[in-house]
């Protein structure tokens, strides 16, 4: 089940990933408050590599802001993410392993290439 998707911004690829209020990721991590505002989210990518993302609740003037910090920049660099790429996070229930989180990356340039091909074939 998809619980979070975002188009990456400059801040997302250079510093941290902000999680919007109201997304299903926050519901999935409802135990945030019991962890003094931080939790480690173990996520598996499409190649089977596990990533540990530390999630924090930052206090902001307009209310708490959820961000993914530690581990995120390593993921960004390894995957060569750029502004405009899309990241999708899924939560899946595994009978043996329990709850699993998976992350998928959709590169911006692959969408542009696909649209060009579709356009040249008259499929738009």
N, C-alpha and C. Protein backbone atom coordinates (compact mmCIF):
# COMPACT_ATOMS: atom_id res chain seq x y z
N UNK A 1 0.84 -1.17 0.00
CA UNK A 1 0.00 0.00 0.00
C UNK A 1 0.89 1.24 0.00
N UNK A 2 0.64 2.14 -0.92
CA UNK A 2 1.41 3.39 -0.98
C UNK A 2 1.05 4.27 0.21
N UNK A 3 2.08 4.73 0.93
CA UNK A 3 1.81 5.58 2.09
C UNK A 3 2.41 6.98 1.96
N UNK A 4 3.28 7.16 0.95
CA UNK A 4 3.89 8.47 0.78
C UNK A 4 4.50 8.56 -0.61
N UNK A 5 4.29 9.68 -1.27
CA UNK A 5 4.91 9.94 -2.56
C UNK A 5 5.19 11.43 -2.66
N UNK A 6 6.33 11.77 -3.25
CA UNK A 6 6.67 13.18 -3.38
C UNK A 6 7.59 13.40 -4.57
N UNK A 7 7.48 14.57 -5.15
CA UNK A 7 8.43 15.03 -6.16
C UNK A 7 9.53 15.75 -5.40
N UNK A 8 10.77 15.33 -5.59
CA UNK A 8 11.87 15.86 -4.80
C UNK A 8 12.20 17.31 -5.15
N UNK A 9 12.48 18.08 -4.11
CA UNK A 9 12.90 19.47 -4.24
C UNK A 9 14.40 19.56 -3.97
N UNK A 10 14.96 20.74 -4.15
CA UNK A 10 16.39 20.95 -3.84
C UNK A 10 16.66 20.63 -2.38
N UNK A 11 15.81 21.09 -1.47
CA UNK A 11 16.00 20.79 -0.04
C UNK A 11 15.96 19.30 0.21
N UNK A 12 15.06 18.58 -0.46
CA UNK A 12 14.96 17.13 -0.28
C UNK A 12 16.24 16.41 -0.68
N UNK A 13 16.92 16.89 -1.71
CA UNK A 13 18.12 16.18 -2.17
C UNK A 13 19.41 16.70 -1.54
N UNK A 14 19.36 17.88 -0.92
CA UNK A 14 20.57 18.41 -0.31
C UNK A 14 20.59 18.32 1.21
N UNK A 15 19.43 18.25 1.86
CA UNK A 15 19.42 18.34 3.32
C UNK A 15 18.60 17.26 4.01
N UNK A 16 17.30 17.18 3.69
CA UNK A 16 16.39 16.28 4.39
C UNK A 16 15.11 16.15 3.57
N UNK A 17 14.36 15.13 3.87
CA UNK A 17 13.07 14.92 3.20
C UNK A 17 11.96 15.31 4.16
N UNK A 18 11.17 16.29 3.77
CA UNK A 18 10.03 16.71 4.59
C UNK A 18 8.83 15.83 4.29
N UNK A 19 8.12 15.46 5.32
CA UNK A 19 6.93 14.63 5.20
C UNK A 19 5.73 15.49 5.50
N UNK A 20 4.84 15.60 4.54
CA UNK A 20 3.69 16.49 4.70
C UNK A 20 2.72 15.95 5.75
N UNK A 21 2.10 16.86 6.48
CA UNK A 21 1.09 16.48 7.46
C UNK A 21 -0.08 15.83 6.74
N UNK A 22 -0.66 14.82 7.35
CA UNK A 22 -1.83 14.18 6.78
C UNK A 22 -1.52 13.00 5.87
N UNK A 23 -0.24 12.74 5.56
CA UNK A 23 0.04 11.60 4.68
C UNK A 23 -0.04 10.30 5.49
N UNK A 24 -0.23 9.20 4.79
CA UNK A 24 -0.38 7.91 5.46
C UNK A 24 0.89 7.46 6.17
N UNK A 25 2.04 8.02 5.80
CA UNK A 25 3.29 7.68 6.49
C UNK A 25 3.19 8.05 7.96
N UNK A 26 2.59 9.19 8.23
CA UNK A 26 2.46 9.62 9.63
C UNK A 26 1.55 8.68 10.41
N UNK A 27 0.49 8.20 9.77
CA UNK A 27 -0.39 7.24 10.44
C UNK A 27 0.36 5.94 10.68
N UNK A 28 1.18 5.53 9.72
CA UNK A 28 1.95 4.29 9.87
C UNK A 28 2.96 4.41 10.99
N UNK A 29 3.43 5.61 11.23
CA UNK A 29 4.42 5.85 12.28
C UNK A 29 3.78 6.53 13.48
N UNK A 30 2.60 6.08 13.84
CA UNK A 30 1.86 6.72 14.93
C UNK A 30 2.59 6.62 16.26
N UNK A 31 3.58 5.75 16.37
CA UNK A 31 4.35 5.63 17.60
C UNK A 31 5.45 6.68 17.70
N UNK A 32 5.48 7.66 16.77
CA UNK A 32 6.42 8.78 16.84
C UNK A 32 6.47 9.39 18.24
N UNK A 33 5.31 9.71 18.78
CA UNK A 33 5.25 10.45 20.04
C UNK A 33 5.85 9.68 21.21
N UNK A 34 5.82 8.36 21.15
CA UNK A 34 6.40 7.57 22.22
C UNK A 34 7.91 7.43 22.11
N UNK A 35 8.51 7.99 21.08
CA UNK A 35 9.95 7.84 20.85
C UNK A 35 10.68 9.17 20.98
N UNK A 36 10.13 10.07 21.77
CA UNK A 36 10.74 11.39 21.97
C UNK A 36 11.01 12.11 20.65
N UNK A 37 10.08 11.93 19.70
CA UNK A 37 10.19 12.66 18.45
C UNK A 37 11.13 12.07 17.43
N UNK A 38 11.64 10.87 17.65
CA UNK A 38 12.51 10.26 16.65
C UNK A 38 12.29 8.76 16.57
N UNK A 39 12.48 8.25 15.38
CA UNK A 39 12.31 6.82 15.13
C UNK A 39 13.18 6.46 13.94
N UNK A 40 13.60 5.20 13.87
CA UNK A 40 14.35 4.73 12.72
C UNK A 40 13.41 3.89 11.86
N UNK A 41 13.34 4.26 10.59
CA UNK A 41 12.50 3.56 9.63
C UNK A 41 13.41 2.72 8.74
N UNK A 42 13.24 1.39 8.78
CA UNK A 42 14.03 0.48 7.95
C UNK A 42 13.27 0.25 6.66
N UNK A 43 13.91 0.59 5.54
CA UNK A 43 13.25 0.57 4.24
C UNK A 43 14.09 -0.24 3.26
N UNK A 44 13.42 -1.04 2.43
CA UNK A 44 14.12 -1.83 1.41
C UNK A 44 13.88 -1.21 0.04
N UNK A 45 14.96 -1.03 -0.74
CA UNK A 45 14.82 -0.47 -2.08
C UNK A 45 14.57 -1.58 -3.10
N UNK A 46 14.43 -1.19 -4.37
CA UNK A 46 14.11 -2.14 -5.43
C UNK A 46 15.24 -3.13 -5.72
N UNK A 47 16.44 -2.88 -5.21
CA UNK A 47 17.57 -3.79 -5.40
C UNK A 47 17.75 -4.71 -4.19
N UNK A 48 16.90 -4.55 -3.17
CA UNK A 48 16.97 -5.39 -1.99
C UNK A 48 17.87 -4.83 -0.89
N UNK A 49 18.41 -3.63 -1.09
CA UNK A 49 19.26 -2.99 -0.09
C UNK A 49 18.39 -2.35 0.98
N UNK A 50 18.78 -2.53 2.24
CA UNK A 50 18.05 -1.92 3.34
C UNK A 50 18.68 -0.59 3.70
N UNK A 51 17.84 0.39 3.97
CA UNK A 51 18.25 1.74 4.37
C UNK A 51 17.61 2.07 5.71
N UNK A 52 18.37 2.69 6.58
CA UNK A 52 17.85 3.13 7.87
C UNK A 52 17.70 4.65 7.84
N UNK A 53 16.47 5.12 7.83
CA UNK A 53 16.19 6.55 7.82
C UNK A 53 15.74 6.96 9.21
N UNK A 54 16.42 7.94 9.79
CA UNK A 54 15.98 8.46 11.08
C UNK A 54 14.98 9.58 10.84
N UNK A 55 13.81 9.42 11.43
CA UNK A 55 12.73 10.39 11.29
C UNK A 55 12.65 11.23 12.56
N UNK A 56 12.48 12.52 12.39
CA UNK A 56 12.38 13.43 13.53
C UNK A 56 11.12 14.27 13.43
N UNK A 57 10.67 14.74 14.56
CA UNK A 57 9.64 15.76 14.59
C UNK A 57 10.32 17.05 15.02
N UNK A 58 10.39 18.02 14.11
CA UNK A 58 10.98 19.31 14.44
C UNK A 58 9.87 20.24 14.88
N UNK A 59 10.11 20.97 15.93
CA UNK A 59 9.11 21.94 16.36
C UNK A 59 9.27 23.20 15.52
N UNK A 60 8.19 23.60 14.93
CA UNK A 60 8.15 24.77 14.07
C UNK A 60 7.15 25.77 14.63
N UNK A 61 7.27 26.99 14.22
CA UNK A 61 6.35 28.03 14.67
C UNK A 61 4.90 27.69 14.32
N UNK A 62 4.69 27.02 13.18
CA UNK A 62 3.33 26.72 12.73
C UNK A 62 2.92 25.28 13.03
N UNK A 63 3.62 24.63 13.95
CA UNK A 63 3.30 23.26 14.33
C UNK A 63 4.45 22.32 14.01
N UNK A 64 4.34 21.09 14.48
CA UNK A 64 5.43 20.14 14.28
C UNK A 64 5.61 19.79 12.81
N UNK A 65 6.87 19.55 12.43
CA UNK A 65 7.19 19.19 11.06
C UNK A 65 7.97 17.88 11.10
N UNK A 66 7.50 16.90 10.35
CA UNK A 66 8.17 15.61 10.29
C UNK A 66 9.19 15.62 9.16
N UNK A 67 10.41 15.16 9.46
CA UNK A 67 11.46 15.12 8.46
C UNK A 67 12.23 13.81 8.58
N UNK A 68 12.77 13.36 7.46
CA UNK A 68 13.66 12.21 7.43
C UNK A 68 15.06 12.76 7.23
N UNK A 69 15.95 12.46 8.16
CA UNK A 69 17.29 13.05 8.13
C UNK A 69 18.36 11.98 7.93
N UNK A 70 18.89 11.42 8.98
CA UNK A 70 20.00 10.48 8.88
C UNK A 70 19.70 9.33 7.93
N UNK A 71 20.65 9.02 7.08
CA UNK A 71 20.50 7.95 6.11
C UNK A 71 19.90 8.41 4.80
N UNK A 72 19.14 9.49 4.84
CA UNK A 72 18.47 9.97 3.64
C UNK A 72 19.47 10.48 2.59
N UNK A 73 20.42 11.28 2.99
CA UNK A 73 21.38 11.87 2.04
C UNK A 73 22.24 10.77 1.41
N UNK A 74 22.61 9.74 2.18
CA UNK A 74 23.34 8.60 1.60
C UNK A 74 22.50 7.93 0.52
N UNK A 75 21.21 7.78 0.78
CA UNK A 75 20.30 7.19 -0.20
C UNK A 75 20.24 8.06 -1.46
N UNK A 76 20.10 9.36 -1.27
CA UNK A 76 20.03 10.31 -2.39
C UNK A 76 21.28 10.21 -3.26
N UNK A 77 22.44 10.19 -2.63
CA UNK A 77 23.70 10.13 -3.38
C UNK A 77 23.88 8.80 -4.09
N UNK A 78 23.56 7.71 -3.40
CA UNK A 78 23.71 6.38 -4.00
C UNK A 78 22.81 6.22 -5.21
N UNK A 79 21.60 6.73 -5.10
CA UNK A 79 20.62 6.60 -6.20
C UNK A 79 20.74 7.73 -7.22
N UNK A 80 21.66 8.67 -6.98
CA UNK A 80 21.87 9.81 -7.87
C UNK A 80 20.56 10.55 -8.14
N UNK A 81 19.85 10.85 -7.05
CA UNK A 81 18.55 11.54 -7.17
C UNK A 81 18.75 13.00 -7.50
N UNK A 82 17.81 13.54 -8.24
CA UNK A 82 17.83 14.93 -8.68
C UNK A 82 16.47 15.57 -8.41
N UNK A 83 16.47 16.89 -8.45
CA UNK A 83 15.22 17.64 -8.31
C UNK A 83 14.26 17.17 -9.40
N UNK A 84 13.02 16.89 -9.01
CA UNK A 84 12.01 16.45 -9.97
C UNK A 84 11.80 14.94 -10.00
N UNK A 85 12.77 14.17 -9.46
CA UNK A 85 12.57 12.73 -9.35
C UNK A 85 11.45 12.48 -8.34
N UNK A 86 10.85 11.32 -8.44
CA UNK A 86 9.73 10.97 -7.55
C UNK A 86 10.15 9.82 -6.66
N UNK A 87 9.81 9.93 -5.38
CA UNK A 87 10.05 8.86 -4.41
C UNK A 87 8.70 8.40 -3.88
N UNK A 88 8.52 7.08 -3.87
CA UNK A 88 7.27 6.49 -3.37
C UNK A 88 7.64 5.49 -2.27
N UNK A 89 6.96 5.59 -1.15
CA UNK A 89 7.18 4.68 -0.03
C UNK A 89 5.94 3.81 0.14
N UNK A 90 6.16 2.51 0.29
CA UNK A 90 5.08 1.55 0.44
C UNK A 90 5.21 0.84 1.78
N UNK A 91 4.07 0.43 2.32
CA UNK A 91 4.05 -0.42 3.51
C UNK A 91 3.37 -1.72 3.11
N UNK A 92 4.05 -2.83 3.41
CA UNK A 92 3.49 -4.14 3.06
C UNK A 92 3.54 -5.05 4.28
N UNK A 93 2.50 -5.84 4.41
CA UNK A 93 2.43 -6.81 5.50
C UNK A 93 2.96 -8.14 4.98
N UNK A 94 4.02 -8.63 5.62
CA UNK A 94 4.60 -9.91 5.26
C UNK A 94 4.26 -10.90 6.37
N UNK A 95 3.75 -12.08 5.99
CA UNK A 95 3.30 -13.06 6.97
C UNK A 95 4.45 -13.47 7.90
N UNK A 96 5.64 -13.60 7.35
CA UNK A 96 6.78 -14.05 8.14
C UNK A 96 7.52 -12.87 8.78
N UNK A 97 7.86 -11.87 7.98
CA UNK A 97 8.68 -10.76 8.47
C UNK A 97 7.88 -9.69 9.20
N UNK A 98 6.57 -9.68 9.05
CA UNK A 98 5.76 -8.63 9.65
C UNK A 98 5.66 -7.44 8.71
N UNK A 99 5.59 -6.23 9.28
CA UNK A 99 5.44 -5.02 8.48
C UNK A 99 6.77 -4.68 7.81
N UNK A 100 6.72 -4.41 6.51
CA UNK A 100 7.90 -4.00 5.75
C UNK A 100 7.61 -2.69 5.03
N UNK A 101 8.66 -1.88 4.92
CA UNK A 101 8.57 -0.65 4.15
C UNK A 101 9.48 -0.77 2.96
N UNK A 102 8.98 -0.34 1.80
CA UNK A 102 9.76 -0.38 0.56
C UNK A 102 9.75 1.00 -0.07
N UNK A 103 10.84 1.32 -0.75
CA UNK A 103 10.96 2.62 -1.40
C UNK A 103 11.24 2.42 -2.88
N UNK A 104 10.60 3.24 -3.69
CA UNK A 104 10.77 3.18 -5.14
C UNK A 104 11.13 4.58 -5.64
N UNK A 105 12.05 4.61 -6.59
CA UNK A 105 12.48 5.87 -7.19
C UNK A 105 12.05 5.88 -8.65
N UNK A 106 11.46 6.98 -9.06
CA UNK A 106 11.10 7.19 -10.46
C UNK A 106 11.87 8.40 -10.94
N UNK A 107 12.84 8.17 -11.82
CA UNK A 107 13.71 9.25 -12.28
C UNK A 107 12.97 10.15 -13.26
N UNK A 108 13.18 11.44 -13.10
CA UNK A 108 12.52 12.45 -13.94
C UNK A 108 12.84 12.24 -15.41
N UNK A 109 14.11 11.96 -15.72
CA UNK A 109 14.50 11.82 -17.13
C UNK A 109 13.85 10.60 -17.78
N UNK A 110 13.52 9.56 -17.01
CA UNK A 110 12.85 8.40 -17.60
C UNK A 110 11.42 8.75 -18.00
N UNK A 111 10.76 9.64 -17.24
CA UNK A 111 9.43 10.09 -17.62
C UNK A 111 9.49 10.93 -18.88
N UNK A 112 10.49 11.81 -18.99
CA UNK A 112 10.64 12.65 -20.18
C UNK A 112 10.86 11.79 -21.41
N UNK A 113 11.72 10.78 -21.29
CA UNK A 113 11.99 9.88 -22.42
C UNK A 113 10.74 9.14 -22.84
N UNK A 114 10.01 8.63 -21.85
CA UNK A 114 8.78 7.90 -22.15
C UNK A 114 7.77 8.80 -22.84
N UNK A 115 7.62 10.03 -22.37
CA UNK A 115 6.67 10.97 -23.00
C UNK A 115 7.09 11.30 -24.44
N UNK A 116 8.41 11.46 -24.66
CA UNK A 116 8.88 11.73 -26.03
C UNK A 116 8.56 10.55 -26.96
N UNK A 117 8.78 9.33 -26.49
CA UNK A 117 8.51 8.15 -27.29
C UNK A 117 7.01 8.05 -27.58
N UNK A 118 6.19 8.23 -26.54
CA UNK A 118 4.75 8.18 -26.72
C UNK A 118 4.28 9.25 -27.70
N UNK A 119 4.88 10.46 -27.61
CA UNK A 119 4.51 11.55 -28.50
C UNK A 119 4.87 11.25 -29.95
N UNK A 120 6.05 10.67 -30.15
CA UNK A 120 6.48 10.37 -31.52
C UNK A 120 5.63 9.27 -32.15
N UNK A 121 5.02 8.45 -31.32
CA UNK A 121 4.14 7.39 -31.82
C UNK A 121 2.67 7.82 -31.88
N UNK A 122 2.42 9.07 -31.47
CA UNK A 122 1.06 9.59 -31.48
C UNK A 122 0.18 9.00 -30.38
N UNK A 123 0.80 8.62 -29.26
CA UNK A 123 0.06 7.98 -28.18
C UNK A 123 -0.30 8.92 -27.04
N UNK A 124 0.04 10.20 -27.14
CA UNK A 124 -0.26 11.15 -26.04
C UNK A 124 -1.72 11.46 -25.95
